[in-house]
Amino acid sequence: MHLLSGFRGNTLHIRTLFGFLFLLSLMALPGCATNNSTALYRYNGSSYVVELTGRRNKMTHDPISALFAGTMNTNLLLFLPRLEGTVPGNELLVDGRRNMYSGQVSFDGSSMTVDLHYENPVVHRRDALSFNGRYRLRPQPQ
Protein backbone atom coordinates (compact mmCIF):
# COMPACT_ATOMS: atom_id res chain seq x y z
CA MET A 1 0.00 0.00 0.00
CA HIS A 2 1.36 3.39 -0.97
CA LEU A 3 1.66 6.09 1.69
CA LEU A 4 -0.34 8.61 -0.33
CA SER A 5 -2.88 6.17 -1.79
CA GLY A 6 -5.71 7.92 0.00
CA PHE A 7 -4.81 11.16 -1.79
CA ARG A 8 -4.75 9.65 -5.31
CA GLY A 9 -6.27 11.99 -7.83
CA ASN A 10 -6.52 14.90 -5.44
CA THR A 11 -3.40 17.04 -5.91
CA LEU A 12 -4.80 19.86 -3.81
CA HIS A 13 -4.74 17.64 -0.70
CA ILE A 14 -1.21 16.43 -1.51
CA ARG A 15 0.04 20.00 -1.94
CA THR A 16 -1.66 21.07 1.26
CA LEU A 17 -0.13 18.15 3.15
CA PHE A 18 3.39 18.84 1.87
CA GLY A 19 2.98 22.58 2.45
CA PHE A 20 1.91 21.96 6.02
CA LEU A 21 4.80 19.54 6.60
CA PHE A 22 7.26 22.07 5.13
CA LEU A 23 6.05 24.88 7.41
CA LEU A 24 6.08 22.52 10.38
CA SER A 25 9.69 21.56 9.65
CA LEU A 26 10.69 25.25 9.46
CA MET A 27 9.21 25.91 12.88
CA ALA A 28 11.03 22.89 14.29
CA LEU A 29 14.46 24.23 13.31
CA PRO A 30 16.71 24.96 16.30
CA GLY A 31 17.72 28.48 17.23
CA CYS A 32 20.94 28.02 15.28
CA ALA A 33 23.11 29.79 17.82
CA THR A 34 26.79 29.25 17.06
CA ASN A 35 29.63 30.39 19.30
CA ASN A 36 33.23 31.08 18.37
CA SER A 37 35.57 28.60 20.04
CA THR A 38 38.01 31.29 21.23
CA ALA A 39 37.31 33.70 24.10
CA LEU A 40 39.41 36.86 24.37
CA TYR A 41 40.32 38.29 27.77
CA ARG A 42 41.95 41.41 29.22
CA TYR A 43 42.68 42.66 32.72
CA ASN A 44 40.95 45.96 33.52
CA GLY A 45 42.63 46.72 36.85
CA SER A 46 40.07 45.12 39.17
CA SER A 47 38.81 42.09 37.24
CA TYR A 48 39.19 40.17 34.02
CA VAL A 49 36.91 40.92 31.11
CA VAL A 50 36.25 37.86 28.95
CA GLU A 51 34.50 38.43 25.63
CA LEU A 52 32.49 35.59 24.13
CA THR A 53 31.30 36.02 20.55
CA GLY A 54 28.93 34.18 18.26
CA ARG A 55 26.21 34.39 15.64
CA ARG A 56 22.45 34.27 16.18
CA ASN A 57 19.48 34.12 13.84
CA LYS A 58 17.56 37.36 13.61
CA MET A 59 14.13 37.25 15.18
CA THR A 60 11.18 36.68 12.84
CA HIS A 61 7.45 36.41 13.24
CA ASP A 62 6.65 33.79 10.62
CA PRO A 63 8.37 30.82 8.93
CA ILE A 64 8.75 32.52 5.54
CA SER A 65 10.64 35.49 7.05
CA ALA A 66 12.88 33.03 8.89
CA LEU A 67 14.25 31.86 5.53
CA PHE A 68 15.42 35.38 4.58
CA ALA A 69 16.25 37.00 7.93
CA GLY A 70 19.94 36.00 8.08
CA THR A 71 22.16 36.10 11.13
CA MET A 72 23.82 38.73 13.30
CA ASN A 73 27.00 38.88 15.34
CA THR A 74 26.58 39.02 19.08
CA ASN A 75 28.82 39.05 22.14
CA LEU A 76 28.75 38.68 25.88
CA LEU A 77 31.18 40.28 28.33
CA LEU A 78 31.88 38.37 31.52
CA PHE A 79 33.58 40.24 34.37
CA LEU A 80 35.49 37.61 36.33
CA PRO A 81 37.56 38.07 39.52
CA ARG A 82 40.13 35.46 38.32
CA LEU A 83 40.98 33.17 35.42
CA GLU A 84 41.76 30.05 37.41
CA GLY A 85 39.93 27.33 39.28
CA THR A 86 36.16 27.66 39.43
CA VAL A 87 34.23 30.92 39.60
CA PRO A 88 30.63 30.53 40.85
CA GLY A 89 28.03 32.36 38.78
CA ASN A 90 27.10 34.64 41.67
CA GLU A 91 30.65 36.10 41.66
CA LEU A 92 30.28 37.45 38.12
CA LEU A 93 29.53 41.12 37.70
CA VAL A 94 26.77 41.89 35.21
CA ASP A 95 25.83 45.54 34.72
CA GLY A 96 27.54 46.32 38.02
CA ARG A 97 25.45 43.75 39.93
CA ARG A 98 26.16 40.28 41.25
CA ASN A 99 23.86 37.25 41.52
CA MET A 100 22.58 37.46 37.94
CA TYR A 101 23.74 33.92 37.14
CA SER A 102 23.78 30.53 38.76
CA GLY A 103 26.19 27.82 37.68
CA GLN A 104 29.92 28.34 37.19
CA VAL A 105 32.83 29.19 34.94
CA SER A 106 35.74 26.79 35.30
CA PHE A 107 39.31 27.02 34.02
CA ASP A 108 41.69 24.29 32.97
CA GLY A 109 45.01 25.65 31.70
CA SER A 110 44.28 27.73 28.61
CA SER A 111 40.64 26.65 28.30
CA MET A 112 37.45 27.78 29.97
CA THR A 113 34.07 26.06 30.36
CA VAL A 114 30.99 28.24 30.80
CA ASP A 115 27.98 26.63 32.48
CA LEU A 116 25.71 29.49 33.52
CA HIS A 117 21.96 29.93 33.93
CA TYR A 118 19.80 33.02 34.34
CA GLU A 119 16.32 33.72 35.62
CA ASN A 120 13.90 33.95 32.69
CA PRO A 121 11.19 36.36 33.92
CA VAL A 122 8.75 35.50 31.12
CA VAL A 123 8.33 31.83 32.02
CA HIS A 124 9.63 32.02 35.62
CA ARG A 125 12.42 29.45 35.28
CA ARG A 126 16.20 29.29 35.02
CA ASP A 127 17.41 28.95 31.43
CA ALA A 128 20.84 27.98 30.17
CA LEU A 129 22.93 30.76 28.66
CA SER A 130 23.30 30.40 24.88
CA PHE A 131 27.04 31.03 25.34
CA ASN A 132 27.52 27.92 27.51
CA GLY A 133 30.32 25.70 26.25
CA ARG A 134 34.08 25.20 26.14
CA TYR A 135 36.43 27.96 24.89
CA ARG A 136 40.14 28.45 24.27
CA LEU A 137 41.37 31.50 26.20
CA ARG A 138 43.51 34.04 24.36
CA PRO A 139 44.68 37.46 25.52
CA GLN A 140 42.98 40.28 23.66
CA PRO A 141 45.36 42.05 21.24
CA GLN A 142 46.29 45.55 22.37
Foldseek 3Di string as FASTA:
>chain_A
DDPCPVCPPPVVVVVVVVVVVVQVVLVPDDFPKDWDQAWAWDDDPQWIKIKTKTKTFDDDDGSVVSVVRDIDIDIDIWTHRDQAAKDAQQRIADPNHGPQWGDIWHHDVQKIFDWIWGQDVVVGDIDTDSRGGMHGYDYDDD
